[in-house]
Amino acid sequence: MRILSTQIPPSGGSAYIGGYNVTDDANKARKIIGYVPQEISVWTDITAYDNLLIYSKIYGIPSSERKEK
């Protein structure tokens, strides 16, 4: 699921969502999916801020749009 939701790149081969390659067309693939994991998808050993920072970087939010400490 992490590969299909573009959180991590595939280690081999290719994966597609709605015809979009999750590596080459990650932004387009993200726009057509919704993903709600059944388990907690945050790290409990770091702060909430750091969790949000990690996900903002994973999803390509530019640093100019993030409020970093």
C-alpha atoms as a PDB file:
ATOM      1  CA  MET A   1       0.000   0.000   0.000  1.00  0.00           C
ATOM      2  CA  ARG A   2       2.859   2.396   0.694  1.00  0.00           C
ATOM      3  CA  ILE A   3       4.120   1.930  -2.865  1.00  0.00           C
ATOM      4  CA  LEU A   4       0.659   2.366  -4.372  1.00  0.00           C
ATOM      5  CA  SER A   5       0.035   5.482  -2.296  1.00  0.00           C
ATOM      6  CA  THR A   6       3.413   6.856  -3.471  1.00  0.00           C
ATOM      7  CA  GLN A   7       4.896   7.026   0.010  1.00  0.00           C
ATOM      8  CA  ILE A   8       7.860   4.900  -1.051  1.00  0.00           C
ATOM      9  CA  PRO A   9       9.204   4.004  -4.507  1.00  0.00           C
ATOM     10  CA  PRO A  10       8.985   0.418  -5.759  1.00  0.00           C
ATOM     11  CA  SER A  11      12.201  -1.573  -5.368  1.00  0.00           C
ATOM     12  CA  GLY A  12      11.608  -3.137  -8.767  1.00  0.00           C
ATOM     13  CA  GLY A  13       9.031  -3.425 -11.476  1.00  0.00           C
ATOM     14  CA  SER A  14       6.311  -0.840 -11.794  1.00  0.00           C
ATOM     15  CA  ALA A  15       2.936  -0.046 -10.292  1.00  0.00           C
ATOM     16  CA  TYR A  16       0.024   1.904 -11.731  1.00  0.00           C
ATOM     17  CA  ILE A  17      -3.005   3.672 -10.301  1.00  0.00           C
ATOM     18  CA  GLY A  18      -5.653   4.650 -12.825  1.00  0.00           C
ATOM     19  CA  GLY A  19      -3.128   4.239 -15.613  1.00  0.00           C
ATOM     20  CA  TYR A  20      -0.579   6.497 -13.910  1.00  0.00           C
ATOM     21  CA  ASN A  21       2.839   5.100 -13.022  1.00  0.00           C
ATOM     22  CA  VAL A  22       3.285   5.716  -9.290  1.00  0.00           C
ATOM     23  CA  THR A  23       6.935   6.631  -9.822  1.00  0.00           C
ATOM     24  CA  ASP A  24       6.752   8.763 -12.968  1.00  0.00           C
ATOM     25  CA  ASP A  25       3.295  10.273 -12.390  1.00  0.00           C
ATOM     26  CA  ALA A  26       3.118  10.303  -8.582  1.00  0.00           C
ATOM     27  CA  ASN A  27       1.269  13.633  -8.345  1.00  0.00           C
ATOM     28  CA  LYS A  28      -1.403  12.510 -10.802  1.00  0.00           C
ATOM     29  CA  ALA A  29      -1.800   9.156  -9.018  1.00  0.00           C
ATOM     30  CA  ARG A  30      -2.173  10.888  -5.635  1.00  0.00           C
ATOM     31  CA  LYS A  31      -4.980  13.070  -6.966  1.00  0.00           C
ATOM     32  CA  ILE A  32      -7.191  10.068  -7.715  1.00  0.00           C
ATOM     33  CA  ILE A  33      -6.605   7.902  -4.642  1.00  0.00           C
ATOM     34  CA  GLY A  34      -7.724   7.988  -1.059  1.00  0.00           C
ATOM     35  CA  TYR A  35      -5.939   5.933   1.554  1.00  0.00           C
ATOM     36  CA  VAL A  36      -6.888   5.431   5.183  1.00  0.00           C
ATOM     37  CA  PRO A  37      -4.745   2.802   6.900  1.00  0.00           C
ATOM     38  CA  GLN A  38      -6.328   0.567   9.517  1.00  0.00           C
ATOM     39  CA  GLU A  39      -3.357   0.889  11.825  1.00  0.00           C
ATOM     40  CA  ILE A  40      -1.797   4.008  13.238  1.00  0.00           C
ATOM     41  CA  SER A  41       0.442   5.413  10.538  1.00  0.00           C
ATOM     42  CA  VAL A  42       2.487   7.750  12.678  1.00  0.00           C
ATOM     43  CA  TRP A  43       5.646   7.129  14.582  1.00  0.00           C
ATOM     44  CA  THR A  44       4.996   7.236  18.311  1.00  0.00           C
ATOM     45  CA  ASP A  45       8.623   7.883  19.243  1.00  0.00           C
ATOM     46  CA  ILE A  46       8.726  11.352  17.612  1.00  0.00           C
ATOM     47  CA  THR A  47       6.624  14.470  18.039  1.00  0.00           C
ATOM     48  CA  ALA A  48       3.419  15.242  16.140  1.00  0.00           C
ATOM     49  CA  TYR A  49       5.271  18.107  14.451  1.00  0.00           C
ATOM     50  CA  ASP A  50       8.007  15.769  13.229  1.00  0.00           C
ATOM     51  CA  ASN A  51       5.396  13.306  11.911  1.00  0.00           C
ATOM     52  CA  LEU A  52       3.734  16.106   9.940  1.00  0.00           C
ATOM     53  CA  LEU A  53       7.103  17.290   8.656  1.00  0.00           C
ATOM     54  CA  ILE A  54       7.990  13.791   7.430  1.00  0.00           C
ATOM     55  CA  TYR A  55       4.705  13.416   5.560  1.00  0.00           C
ATOM     56  CA  SER A  56       4.916  16.900   4.079  1.00  0.00           C
ATOM     57  CA  LYS A  57       8.329  15.998   2.671  1.00  0.00           C
ATOM     58  CA  ILE A  58       7.092  12.615   1.406  1.00  0.00           C
ATOM     59  CA  TYR A  59       4.239  14.320  -0.414  1.00  0.00           C
ATOM     60  CA  GLY A  60       6.466  17.011  -1.886  1.00  0.00           C
ATOM     61  CA  ILE A  61       5.131  20.050  -0.041  1.00  0.00           C
ATOM     62  CA  PRO A  62       7.683  22.774  -0.820  1.00  0.00           C
ATOM     63  CA  SER A  63       9.641  24.090   2.162  1.00  0.00           C
ATOM     64  CA  SER A  64       8.240  27.545   1.427  1.00  0.00           C
ATOM     65  CA  GLU A  65       4.770  26.183   2.320  1.00  0.00           C
ATOM     66  CA  ARG A  66       5.880  24.391   5.506  1.00  0.00           C
ATOM     67  CA  LYS A  67       6.315  26.059   8.860  1.00  0.00           C
ATOM     68  CA  GLU A  68       9.560  24.583  10.089  1.00  0.00           C
ATOM     69  CA  LYS A  69      11.036  25.288  13.509  1.00  0.00           C
END
